[in-house]
Amino acid sequence: MRTNIFLLALAGVMLSACFDDKGNYSYSQINDVTIGQKGFDGDTVYLLRSDVDGLKISPELSYREGQESAGGYSYEWVAVSTNKHVGQRTQLGTDRNLDYKVKLKADDYHLFFKVTDLATGIVYSRQATLKVNNLYTRGWILTGKDQSGNMVVDMLSISRDTLHLTDILANKGLALKQPIMVWTDNSPESYENQVYVCTENGTYRYGREDLDNPQELTIFDPDIKGYRHSIVMHDIQKISNKPALFLADKYAYALNSLNEGEFGTPVSYYLQSNGYDYFTPAPGIACNHTGEDNSAAAIEQYVVYNSRDRVFCNLRAMGTSMNNLADSDTDEPFSWDTKKDFTTGGLTFVANVNSLYSGGQTATILYDPIGGKRYIYTYTITRQSGVATKGKRYEIPLTAPGFYQARLFSLTTKQGYLIYAEGNHLYGYNFRNGKDPVLLCTFDGTATAIFNDIVTDEKQNDCFYVATYSDGASNQRGGKFYKFAVTDTADKIKVSQKHVWKGFPEIVNISYKNF
């Protein structure tokens, strides 16, 4: 064995002697480059608006030898997408100092500054973070109308500074009337990249980034073997990157990555042994937004009210049809089938209010056409497929000021108080404890829309928004947009006005755009 090892070692020495080392080695000192922190401090984030802002950075460079190498250097500034188009690379400049008029698409980026020593090929780099928005990236979409019913959409842009953008769809190719709402899919994983502009005469899809290229939404109808036009959208809800539920005309449709945004067969039917039993859902979708910041924790099911049978039913995760919610025993506070508790025919739908209160509770307001009373049903949609946890049913006295005329409702996050507006009055209602509604505010105009903030970065701050309108203003812009915050007290409803913006059309819907 020792002999074999010796022979192998000897062979290795002989073989190494056969190689002719022709390398050209230079033992000169490498002139290392150090890029200073100026412009790249720690967690530096540049907030920029495309086509509005410029970005200037003059980096500080130092050299080990005290001066630049004789061979010189090349420079490159590169932005690499980290969100919408991961890995996509855009060169911003090739000079040592960056002076760039921002033209990047709205996205998040890593900004790299690279210095290459041309003599050695060694590259030195430093990086920062860019967050690029355009004027339409983030803010409040305020859908309004003029006195002739023409659609007028303003935006309170908060992409960086707060800017009031007026009539943002005016030059986009369509003149629309009788607005209902504008809805944006705010999920970064969206398969559509579209904004839905909904009117009483049809629904149109615009590009999400620039609000351009409008296309009328049409839905294939197998009964007529063709496409239906003039689609009227009543409600749209979406949880994180889960399937969205649309109430269009008299049907409900679920859109997800599998059907790539195409409206196919409605899901508002019961699967019977002899076929499909279609029903008309009421114009409001119940869902639970808690946990949607984490896709794995998002609650992927919806509840709607069957207007025909007057019963609550749900669409399970990835479901293609609906089922009535089932009662577990006779001791529960109410039945999901309102005809069991109101034997004269059940209750009719008034409104849905989704919230973050108590794990994401929904309040559904129903009306008894025989008894003349309104009722609030509270329940929480859970992660268990096909299950919603019942809260209670509350009968609202006829003496509750403005409640029986109200159509605008919100639900506070901390205490679950009902906020509602009627006429020029704003009320707070601790209906759970049987207390009388309290007058919170009297506006100088009529309340026209309300928004319960459960989707923005401030969703845990218990804020809500109200739009009002006063006739007689110049240019038909007598609208105001109020922001309120709720004070967290268990025994008294108190709100504070945080801001009011003026100069809007008559706002009929408030939504939030975050992409």
Protein backbone atom coordinates (compact mmCIF):
# COMPACT_ATOMS: atom_id res chain seq x y z
CA MET A 1 0.00 0.00 0.00
CA ARG A 2 2.79 2.44 0.90
CA THR A 3 4.46 1.66 -2.41
CA ASN A 4 1.26 2.55 -4.32
CA ILE A 5 0.88 5.85 -2.52
CA PHE A 6 4.49 6.76 -3.27
CA LEU A 7 4.07 5.97 -6.97
CA LEU A 8 0.89 8.09 -7.21
CA ALA A 9 2.59 11.02 -5.57
CA LEU A 10 5.57 10.73 -7.90
CA ALA A 11 3.26 10.61 -10.93
CA GLY A 12 1.51 13.76 -9.76
CA VAL A 13 4.79 15.63 -9.55
CA MET A 14 5.82 14.47 -13.02
CA LEU A 15 2.48 15.49 -14.57
CA SER A 16 2.59 18.93 -13.03
CA ALA A 17 5.96 19.46 -14.61
CA CYS A 18 4.42 18.93 -18.05
CA PHE A 19 2.19 22.05 -17.84
CA ASP A 20 3.58 25.30 -19.19
CA ASP A 21 2.33 28.18 -17.01
CA LYS A 22 1.77 31.04 -19.46
CA GLY A 23 -0.21 33.25 -17.08
CA ASN A 24 0.39 37.00 -17.12
CA TYR A 25 0.27 37.88 -13.45
CA SER A 26 0.23 41.47 -12.22
CA TYR A 27 0.98 42.08 -8.58
CA SER A 28 0.20 45.80 -8.67
CA GLN A 29 -2.01 47.22 -5.93
CA ILE A 30 -5.79 47.12 -6.73
CA ASN A 31 -7.20 50.62 -6.37
CA ASP A 32 -10.37 49.74 -4.44
CA VAL A 33 -13.32 52.11 -4.84
CA THR A 34 -15.57 52.95 -1.91
CA ILE A 35 -19.04 54.34 -2.63
CA GLY A 36 -20.12 56.57 0.24
CA GLN A 37 -23.46 56.52 2.02
CA LYS A 38 -24.64 59.79 0.53
CA GLY A 39 -27.77 58.90 -1.42
CA PHE A 40 -27.68 55.33 -0.13
CA ASP A 41 -28.12 55.75 3.61
CA GLY A 42 -29.29 52.59 5.34
CA ASP A 43 -32.98 52.17 4.53
CA THR A 44 -33.12 54.94 1.92
CA VAL A 45 -36.41 54.84 -0.01
CA TYR A 46 -37.09 57.30 -2.83
CA LEU A 47 -40.81 58.02 -3.30
CA LEU A 48 -41.29 59.19 -6.87
CA ARG A 49 -44.05 59.97 -9.35
CA SER A 50 -43.61 59.01 -12.97
CA ASP A 51 -43.69 61.93 -15.43
CA VAL A 52 -43.68 64.37 -12.51
CA ASP A 53 -40.54 63.97 -10.41
CA GLY A 54 -36.82 63.91 -11.13
CA LEU A 55 -34.15 61.92 -9.31
CA LYS A 56 -30.71 63.41 -8.74
CA ILE A 57 -27.93 61.61 -6.87
CA SER A 58 -24.28 62.69 -6.72
CA PRO A 59 -22.45 59.78 -5.08
CA GLU A 60 -19.27 60.22 -3.08
CA LEU A 61 -16.39 58.02 -4.31
CA SER A 62 -13.08 57.44 -2.58
CA TYR A 63 -10.07 55.39 -3.69
CA ARG A 64 -7.50 53.34 -1.83
CA GLU A 65 -4.69 55.02 -3.76
CA GLY A 66 -6.13 58.45 -3.11
CA GLN A 67 -6.91 59.12 -6.77
CA GLU A 68 -8.66 57.45 -9.70
CA SER A 69 -6.88 54.66 -11.56
CA ALA A 70 -5.22 55.62 -14.83
CA GLY A 71 -7.48 53.31 -16.83
CA GLY A 72 -10.60 55.11 -15.72
CA TYR A 73 -14.04 53.88 -14.76
CA SER A 74 -17.48 53.31 -16.27
CA TYR A 75 -20.71 54.02 -14.43
CA GLU A 76 -24.22 52.63 -14.63
CA TRP A 77 -27.49 53.31 -12.83
CA VAL A 78 -30.01 50.48 -13.09
CA ALA A 79 -33.54 50.00 -11.69
CA VAL A 80 -34.69 46.40 -11.20
CA SER A 81 -38.38 45.67 -10.53
CA THR A 82 -39.16 43.82 -7.30
CA ASN A 83 -42.97 43.69 -7.44
CA LYS A 84 -45.03 43.77 -10.62
CA HIS A 85 -42.37 42.71 -13.13
CA VAL A 86 -39.80 41.01 -10.92
CA GLY A 87 -36.29 41.12 -12.38
CA GLN A 88 -37.08 43.51 -15.22
CA ARG A 89 -34.08 45.80 -15.70
CA THR A 90 -34.13 49.46 -16.81
CA GLN A 91 -31.00 51.52 -17.32
CA LEU A 92 -31.39 55.06 -15.96
CA GLY A 93 -27.99 56.53 -16.81
CA THR A 94 -24.29 55.97 -17.51
CA ASP A 95 -22.79 59.09 -15.93
CA ARG A 96 -21.22 59.27 -12.52
CA ASN A 97 -23.98 61.57 -11.28
CA LEU A 98 -27.60 60.61 -11.83
CA ASP A 99 -29.97 63.24 -13.22
CA TYR A 100 -33.06 61.32 -14.30
CA LYS A 101 -36.54 62.50 -15.27
CA VAL A 102 -38.64 59.66 -13.90
CA LYS A 103 -40.29 57.63 -16.68
CA LEU A 104 -40.49 54.27 -14.91
CA LYS A 105 -43.80 52.47 -14.67
CA ALA A 106 -45.47 52.49 -11.27
CA ASP A 107 -43.73 49.71 -9.32
CA ASP A 108 -41.18 48.98 -6.59
CA TYR A 109 -37.52 48.83 -7.60
CA HIS A 110 -33.99 48.25 -6.36
CA LEU A 111 -31.76 51.06 -7.63
CA PHE A 112 -28.18 49.92 -8.29
CA PHE A 113 -25.21 52.24 -8.85
CA LYS A 114 -22.31 50.30 -10.37
CA VAL A 115 -18.73 51.50 -10.82
CA THR A 116 -16.47 49.37 -13.04
CA ASP A 117 -12.68 49.71 -12.96
CA LEU A 118 -11.82 49.44 -16.67
CA ALA A 119 -8.27 48.33 -15.94
CA THR A 120 -9.20 45.35 -13.77
CA GLY A 121 -12.87 44.71 -14.61
CA ILE A 122 -13.76 44.83 -10.91
CA VAL A 123 -17.27 46.16 -10.22
CA TYR A 124 -18.23 48.11 -7.10
CA SER A 125 -21.90 48.80 -6.32
CA ARG A 126 -24.35 50.36 -3.90
CA GLN A 127 -28.14 50.19 -3.83
CA ALA A 128 -31.28 51.98 -2.63
CA THR A 129 -35.02 51.45 -2.97
CA LEU A 130 -37.38 53.22 -5.37
CA LYS A 131 -41.14 53.33 -5.01
CA VAL A 132 -42.58 54.78 -8.19
CA ASN A 133 -46.19 55.85 -8.53
CA ASN A 134 -48.02 57.71 -11.21
CA LEU A 135 -50.72 60.22 -10.41
CA TYR A 136 -53.34 57.45 -10.53
CA THR A 137 -51.49 54.84 -8.48
CA ARG A 138 -52.83 55.47 -5.00
CA GLY A 139 -55.73 57.44 -3.62
CA TRP A 140 -59.47 57.90 -3.40
CA ILE A 141 -61.60 57.41 -6.50
CA LEU A 142 -64.65 59.65 -6.10
CA THR A 143 -67.33 58.68 -8.61
CA GLY A 144 -69.75 61.51 -9.21
CA LYS A 145 -72.19 63.09 -11.62
CA ASP A 146 -73.32 66.48 -12.82
CA GLN A 147 -76.89 67.78 -12.96
CA SER A 148 -77.42 66.12 -16.35
CA GLY A 149 -76.38 62.72 -15.04
CA ASN A 150 -73.02 62.74 -16.82
CA MET A 151 -70.32 60.75 -15.06
CA VAL A 152 -67.60 62.88 -13.46
CA VAL A 153 -64.81 60.98 -11.71
CA ASP A 154 -62.36 62.86 -9.50
CA MET A 155 -59.40 61.42 -7.64
CA LEU A 156 -57.78 62.50 -4.41
CA SER A 157 -54.31 61.23 -5.26
CA ILE A 158 -52.00 60.39 -2.36
CA SER A 159 -49.19 58.87 -4.43
CA ARG A 160 -46.87 61.29 -2.61
CA ASP A 161 -48.44 64.68 -1.99
CA THR A 162 -52.22 64.97 -1.76
CA LEU A 163 -53.54 66.19 -5.11
CA HIS A 164 -57.12 66.73 -6.25
CA LEU A 165 -57.34 65.46 -9.84
CA THR A 166 -60.55 66.47 -11.59
CA ASP A 167 -62.57 64.58 -14.20
CA ILE A 168 -59.86 61.97 -14.75
CA LEU A 169 -61.85 59.99 -17.33
CA ALA A 170 -62.83 63.01 -19.43
CA ASN A 171 -60.30 62.40 -22.21
CA LYS A 172 -60.26 58.60 -22.16
CA GLY A 173 -62.56 58.06 -25.13
CA LEU A 174 -66.02 57.54 -23.60
CA ALA A 175 -68.75 59.88 -22.38
CA LEU A 176 -70.63 57.95 -19.71
CA LYS A 177 -73.84 58.70 -17.82
CA GLN A 178 -75.66 57.51 -14.68
CA PRO A 179 -72.63 56.33 -12.68
CA ILE A 180 -72.79 53.58 -10.07
CA MET A 181 -69.19 53.06 -8.96
CA VAL A 182 -65.55 52.61 -9.94
CA TRP A 183 -63.77 49.53 -8.58
CA THR A 184 -60.07 48.63 -8.66
CA ASP A 185 -58.47 45.27 -8.01
CA ASN A 186 -55.74 46.26 -5.54
CA SER A 187 -54.02 42.88 -5.46
CA PRO A 188 -50.46 42.96 -6.90
CA GLU A 189 -51.06 39.42 -8.19
CA SER A 190 -54.05 40.60 -10.22
CA TYR A 191 -54.61 38.65 -13.41
CA GLU A 192 -56.61 41.50 -14.93
CA ASN A 193 -54.79 44.76 -14.25
CA GLN A 194 -58.07 46.58 -14.83
CA VAL A 195 -60.39 49.13 -13.32
CA TYR A 196 -64.15 48.60 -13.59
CA VAL A 197 -66.17 51.72 -14.37
CA CYS A 198 -69.80 50.86 -13.71
CA THR A 199 -72.90 52.74 -14.85
CA GLU A 200 -76.62 52.04 -15.12
CA ASN A 201 -76.14 51.63 -18.87
CA GLY A 202 -73.09 49.38 -18.95
CA THR A 203 -69.74 48.46 -17.41
CA TYR A 204 -66.33 49.29 -18.88
CA ARG A 205 -62.84 48.06 -18.09
CA TYR A 206 -59.93 50.53 -18.13
CA GLY A 207 -56.19 49.97 -17.75
CA ARG A 208 -55.28 49.98 -14.07
CA GLU A 209 -52.11 52.04 -14.35
CA ASP A 210 -53.10 54.91 -16.63
CA LEU A 211 -56.91 54.59 -16.67
CA ASP A 212 -56.86 54.21 -20.45
CA ASN A 213 -58.05 51.90 -23.26
CA PRO A 214 -61.67 51.45 -22.11
CA GLN A 215 -63.43 48.30 -23.30
CA GLU A 216 -67.09 47.50 -22.73
CA LEU A 217 -67.65 44.44 -20.57
CA THR A 218 -69.68 41.78 -22.35
CA ILE A 219 -70.73 38.41 -20.95
CA PHE A 220 -71.40 35.33 -23.02
CA ASP A 221 -74.96 34.08 -22.61
CA PRO A 222 -75.48 30.45 -23.71
CA ASP A 223 -79.24 30.98 -23.93
CA ILE A 224 -78.87 33.48 -26.76
CA LYS A 225 -75.59 31.95 -28.03
CA GLY A 226 -74.01 35.37 -27.98
CA TYR A 227 -72.72 38.16 -25.77
CA ARG A 228 -74.84 40.36 -23.52
CA HIS A 229 -74.07 44.07 -23.49
CA SER A 230 -75.12 46.88 -21.14
CA ILE A 231 -73.99 44.95 -18.05
CA VAL A 232 -75.09 46.65 -14.81
CA MET A 233 -72.76 45.95 -11.88
CA HIS A 234 -74.23 46.12 -8.36
CA ASP A 235 -71.30 45.11 -6.15
CA ILE A 236 -67.75 43.73 -6.41
CA GLN A 237 -65.72 42.25 -3.57
CA LYS A 238 -62.28 40.65 -3.50
CA ILE A 239 -60.13 39.31 -0.67
CA SER A 240 -56.37 39.58 -1.24
CA ASN A 241 -55.42 37.54 -4.32
CA LYS A 242 -58.41 35.22 -3.97
CA PRO A 243 -61.25 34.98 -6.52
CA ALA A 244 -63.39 38.11 -6.84
CA LEU A 245 -67.18 37.99 -6.69
CA PHE A 246 -69.19 40.22 -9.03
CA LEU A 247 -72.92 40.93 -8.86
CA ALA A 248 -73.75 41.72 -12.48
CA ASP A 249 -77.33 42.16 -13.70
CA LYS A 250 -79.27 39.41 -11.88
CA TYR A 251 -76.35 37.02 -11.40
CA ALA A 252 -73.17 36.46 -9.38
CA TYR A 253 -69.89 35.63 -11.13
CA ALA A 254 -66.61 34.44 -9.62
CA LEU A 255 -63.41 35.47 -11.40
CA ASN A 256 -60.01 33.97 -10.66
CA SER A 257 -56.70 33.09 -12.29
CA LEU A 258 -58.22 29.97 -13.82
CA ASN A 259 -60.74 31.82 -15.98
CA GLU A 260 -58.33 34.77 -16.44
CA GLY A 261 -60.97 37.40 -15.87
CA GLU A 262 -63.54 36.00 -18.29
CA PHE A 263 -67.12 35.98 -17.09
CA GLY A 264 -68.38 32.46 -17.69
CA THR A 265 -71.21 30.56 -16.03
CA PRO A 266 -72.79 32.42 -13.08
CA VAL A 267 -72.33 30.90 -9.62
CA SER A 268 -75.67 32.14 -8.24
CA TYR A 269 -77.47 28.83 -8.53
CA TYR A 270 -78.18 25.69 -6.55
CA LEU A 271 -77.05 22.42 -8.06
CA GLN A 272 -80.15 20.21 -8.19
CA SER A 273 -80.57 16.63 -9.37
CA ASN A 274 -82.49 17.90 -12.39
CA GLY A 275 -80.15 20.79 -13.26
CA TYR A 276 -79.32 24.34 -12.20
CA ASP A 277 -81.71 26.40 -10.05
CA TYR A 278 -80.71 30.05 -10.62
CA PHE A 279 -81.71 32.80 -8.19
CA THR A 280 -81.18 36.56 -7.96
CA PRO A 281 -78.79 37.67 -5.20
CA ALA A 282 -79.48 40.93 -3.37
CA PRO A 283 -77.15 43.81 -4.38
CA GLY A 284 -74.61 43.40 -1.59
CA ILE A 285 -71.79 40.93 -0.87
CA ALA A 286 -70.69 39.96 2.65
CA CYS A 287 -67.03 39.05 3.14
CA ASN A 288 -64.34 39.07 5.83
CA HIS A 289 -61.29 41.26 5.18
CA THR A 290 -59.34 40.25 8.30
CA GLY A 291 -56.13 38.45 7.47
CA GLU A 292 -56.02 39.54 3.84
CA ASP A 293 -52.58 41.11 4.27
CA ASN A 294 -51.34 37.52 4.42
CA SER A 295 -52.65 35.48 1.51
CA ALA A 296 -52.46 32.25 3.52
CA ALA A 297 -54.70 33.75 6.22
CA ALA A 298 -57.26 35.28 3.85
CA ILE A 299 -60.83 34.01 4.25
CA GLU A 300 -61.90 32.79 0.85
CA GLN A 301 -65.68 32.65 0.91
CA TYR A 302 -68.59 35.02 0.40
CA VAL A 303 -72.15 35.30 1.67
CA VAL A 304 -75.05 36.76 -0.31
CA TYR A 305 -78.76 37.10 0.39
CA ASN A 306 -81.08 35.19 -1.93
CA SER A 307 -83.78 37.75 -2.73
CA ARG A 308 -86.11 35.13 -4.19
CA ASP A 309 -86.07 32.66 -1.28
CA ARG A 310 -85.11 35.24 1.37
CA VAL A 311 -82.33 33.12 2.81
CA PHE A 312 -78.59 33.60 3.37
CA CYS A 313 -76.33 31.47 1.18
CA ASN A 314 -72.62 31.25 0.53
CA LEU A 315 -70.00 30.61 -2.10
CA ARG A 316 -67.22 28.40 -0.76
CA ALA A 317 -63.57 28.62 -1.73
CA MET A 318 -63.20 27.86 -5.46
CA GLY A 319 -66.91 27.04 -5.55
CA THR A 320 -68.92 26.99 -8.75
CA SER A 321 -72.38 27.04 -7.13
CA MET A 322 -73.95 28.24 -3.90
CA ASN A 323 -75.51 26.59 -0.86
CA ASN A 324 -77.86 27.89 1.79
CA LEU A 325 -76.21 28.42 5.15
CA ALA A 326 -77.44 25.74 7.53
CA ASP A 327 -78.89 26.25 11.01
CA SER A 328 -77.36 24.02 13.68
CA ASP A 329 -80.14 23.99 16.30
CA THR A 330 -83.37 25.72 17.30
CA ASP A 331 -81.79 27.71 20.15
CA GLU A 332 -79.82 30.00 17.87
CA PRO A 333 -80.57 33.75 17.80
CA PHE A 334 -82.01 33.58 14.28
CA SER A 335 -82.43 31.30 11.30
CA TRP A 336 -80.50 31.84 8.07
CA ASP A 337 -83.86 31.30 6.37
CA THR A 338 -85.79 34.42 7.35
CA LYS A 339 -89.10 32.79 6.35
CA LYS A 340 -88.79 30.58 9.45
CA ASP A 341 -88.69 33.56 11.80
CA PHE A 342 -91.05 35.72 9.73
CA THR A 343 -93.64 33.29 8.47
CA THR A 344 -95.48 35.87 6.38
CA GLY A 345 -92.78 35.67 3.72
CA GLY A 346 -89.42 36.58 5.20
CA LEU A 347 -87.42 39.78 4.96
CA THR A 348 -86.21 41.97 2.10
CA PHE A 349 -82.67 43.26 1.69
CA VAL A 350 -81.58 46.80 2.61
CA ALA A 351 -77.77 46.84 2.93
CA ASN A 352 -74.60 44.95 3.86
CA VAL A 353 -71.87 46.49 6.02
CA ASN A 354 -68.54 44.63 6.14
CA SER A 355 -66.15 45.51 8.96
CA LEU A 356 -63.05 44.52 10.93
CA TYR A 357 -64.96 44.49 14.22
CA SER A 358 -64.72 41.33 16.32
CA GLY A 359 -62.83 39.26 13.76
CA GLY A 360 -64.49 40.74 10.68
CA GLN A 361 -68.18 40.89 11.50
CA THR A 362 -70.79 41.76 8.86
CA ALA A 363 -74.04 43.55 9.61
CA THR A 364 -76.86 42.85 7.14
CA ILE A 365 -79.86 45.17 7.38
CA LEU A 366 -83.18 43.59 6.38
CA TYR A 367 -86.77 44.84 6.29
CA ASP A 368 -90.07 43.20 7.15
CA PRO A 369 -92.58 44.48 4.56
CA ILE A 370 -95.48 43.16 6.64
CA GLY A 371 -94.48 44.36 10.09
CA GLY A 372 -92.75 47.50 8.83
CA LYS A 373 -89.60 46.98 10.93
CA ARG A 374 -85.91 46.91 10.05
CA TYR A 375 -83.57 44.33 11.57
CA ILE A 376 -79.79 44.08 11.85
CA TYR A 377 -78.33 40.58 11.48
CA THR A 378 -74.73 40.21 12.66
CA TYR A 379 -72.47 37.30 11.74
CA THR A 380 -68.83 36.48 10.97
CA ILE A 381 -67.65 34.55 7.92
CA THR A 382 -65.04 32.01 9.05
CA ARG A 383 -62.19 30.08 7.49
CA GLN A 384 -64.18 26.88 7.79
CA SER A 385 -65.69 26.34 4.38
CA GLY A 386 -69.45 26.80 4.29
CA VAL A 387 -69.65 28.22 7.82
CA ALA A 388 -70.54 31.64 9.22
CA THR A 389 -70.81 32.26 12.96
CA LYS A 390 -74.05 33.91 14.01
CA GLY A 391 -74.04 36.99 16.19
CA LYS A 392 -77.49 38.32 16.99
CA ARG A 393 -80.58 39.80 15.37
CA TYR A 394 -81.55 43.30 16.51
CA GLU A 395 -84.97 44.87 15.98
CA ILE A 396 -84.61 48.59 15.33
CA PRO A 397 -87.34 50.79 16.85
CA LEU A 398 -89.32 53.01 14.53
CA THR A 399 -88.26 55.97 16.67
CA ALA A 400 -84.59 55.66 15.66
CA PRO A 401 -84.02 59.04 13.95
CA GLY A 402 -83.40 58.76 10.23
CA PHE A 403 -82.63 55.03 10.36
CA TYR A 404 -85.61 53.87 8.30
CA GLN A 405 -84.77 56.30 5.52
CA ALA A 406 -81.00 55.76 5.60
CA ARG A 407 -79.09 53.96 2.84
CA LEU A 408 -75.56 54.90 3.90
CA PHE A 409 -73.98 52.77 6.66
CA SER A 410 -70.59 52.05 8.23
CA LEU A 411 -69.47 49.91 11.19
CA THR A 412 -66.65 50.96 13.53
CA THR A 413 -63.68 48.68 14.12
CA LYS A 414 -63.11 48.91 17.88
CA GLN A 415 -66.65 48.89 19.32
CA GLY A 416 -68.85 47.84 16.41
CA TYR A 417 -70.98 50.97 16.50
CA LEU A 418 -73.18 51.60 13.48
CA ILE A 419 -72.56 54.91 11.72
CA TYR A 420 -75.28 56.02 9.32
CA ALA A 421 -76.16 59.15 7.37
CA GLU A 422 -79.54 60.47 6.29
CA GLY A 423 -80.16 63.87 4.77
CA ASN A 424 -77.59 66.23 6.26
CA HIS A 425 -77.29 64.31 9.55
CA LEU A 426 -74.66 61.81 10.68
CA TYR A 427 -75.64 59.41 13.47
CA GLY A 428 -73.86 56.91 15.70
CA TYR A 429 -75.81 53.93 17.01
CA ASN A 430 -74.86 51.48 19.76
CA PHE A 431 -77.62 49.09 18.67
CA ARG A 432 -76.06 46.17 20.54
CA ASN A 433 -76.89 47.72 23.91
CA GLY A 434 -80.27 49.06 22.89
CA LYS A 435 -79.22 52.69 23.23
CA ASP A 436 -80.74 55.45 21.15
CA PRO A 437 -78.81 56.78 18.15
CA VAL A 438 -76.87 59.98 18.80
CA LEU A 439 -76.41 62.87 16.39
CA LEU A 440 -72.70 63.14 15.58
CA CYS A 441 -72.64 65.86 12.97
CA THR A 442 -74.86 68.15 10.91
CA PHE A 443 -73.51 68.90 7.44
CA ASP A 444 -74.18 71.95 5.31
CA GLY A 445 -75.10 69.62 2.45
CA THR A 446 -76.80 66.28 1.88
CA ALA A 447 -74.82 63.10 2.55
CA THR A 448 -74.44 61.18 -0.72
CA ALA A 449 -71.87 58.42 -0.01
CA ILE A 450 -70.03 56.76 2.87
CA PHE A 451 -66.91 54.58 3.01
CA ASN A 452 -65.90 52.30 5.87
CA ASP A 453 -62.09 52.19 5.77
CA ILE A 454 -61.17 48.51 6.11
CA VAL A 455 -58.73 48.33 3.18
CA THR A 456 -56.17 51.17 3.36
CA ASP A 457 -52.96 51.44 5.39
CA GLU A 458 -55.04 53.21 8.06
CA LYS A 459 -57.62 50.44 8.36
CA GLN A 460 -56.79 49.78 12.02
CA ASN A 461 -57.24 53.46 12.91
CA ASP A 462 -61.06 53.29 12.87
CA CYS A 463 -61.65 55.91 10.17
CA PHE A 464 -64.53 56.44 7.80
CA TYR A 465 -65.30 58.90 5.01
CA VAL A 466 -68.47 60.78 4.06
CA ALA A 467 -69.31 62.72 0.88
CA THR A 468 -71.87 65.52 0.84
CA TYR A 469 -73.30 67.82 -1.81
CA SER A 470 -74.86 71.28 -1.83
CA ASP A 471 -76.73 72.69 -4.82
CA GLY A 472 -75.96 76.08 -6.27
CA ALA A 473 -72.17 75.88 -6.35
CA SER A 474 -70.29 77.19 -9.38
CA ASN A 475 -69.35 74.59 -11.99
CA GLN A 476 -71.63 72.10 -10.23
CA ARG A 477 -68.87 71.36 -7.74
CA GLY A 478 -70.59 71.73 -4.40
CA GLY A 479 -69.31 68.39 -3.14
CA LYS A 480 -67.24 67.87 0.00
CA PHE A 481 -65.27 64.85 1.15
CA TYR A 482 -64.86 64.34 4.92
CA LYS A 483 -62.51 62.12 6.87
CA PHE A 484 -63.59 61.11 10.39
CA ALA A 485 -61.84 59.13 13.12
CA VAL A 486 -63.70 57.25 15.85
CA THR A 487 -62.66 57.70 19.48
CA ASP A 488 -62.38 54.29 21.14
CA THR A 489 -64.80 54.52 24.07
CA ALA A 490 -67.11 51.75 25.26
CA ASP A 491 -69.80 53.99 26.73
CA LYS A 492 -70.02 56.92 24.32
CA ILE A 493 -69.86 57.30 20.55
CA LYS A 494 -67.51 60.10 19.62
CA VAL A 495 -65.95 61.02 16.29
CA SER A 496 -63.55 63.76 15.25
CA GLN A 497 -63.32 65.40 11.86
CA LYS A 498 -59.77 64.96 10.57
CA HIS A 499 -60.05 66.68 7.22
CA VAL A 500 -62.45 68.05 4.65
CA TRP A 501 -61.72 68.51 0.95
CA LYS A 502 -63.93 70.69 -1.26
CA GLY A 503 -64.80 71.27 -4.90
CA PHE A 504 -66.17 67.88 -5.98
CA PRO A 505 -69.15 66.87 -8.12
CA GLU A 506 -72.05 65.06 -6.48
CA ILE A 507 -70.25 61.92 -5.28
CA VAL A 508 -72.26 58.71 -5.48
CA ASN A 509 -69.51 56.22 -4.62
CA ILE A 510 -66.17 56.18 -2.80
CA SER A 511 -63.46 53.60 -3.48
CA TYR A 512 -59.75 53.22 -2.85
CA LYS A 513 -57.08 52.56 -5.47
CA ASN A 514 -53.75 51.14 -4.37
CA PHE A 515 -52.15 49.96 -7.63
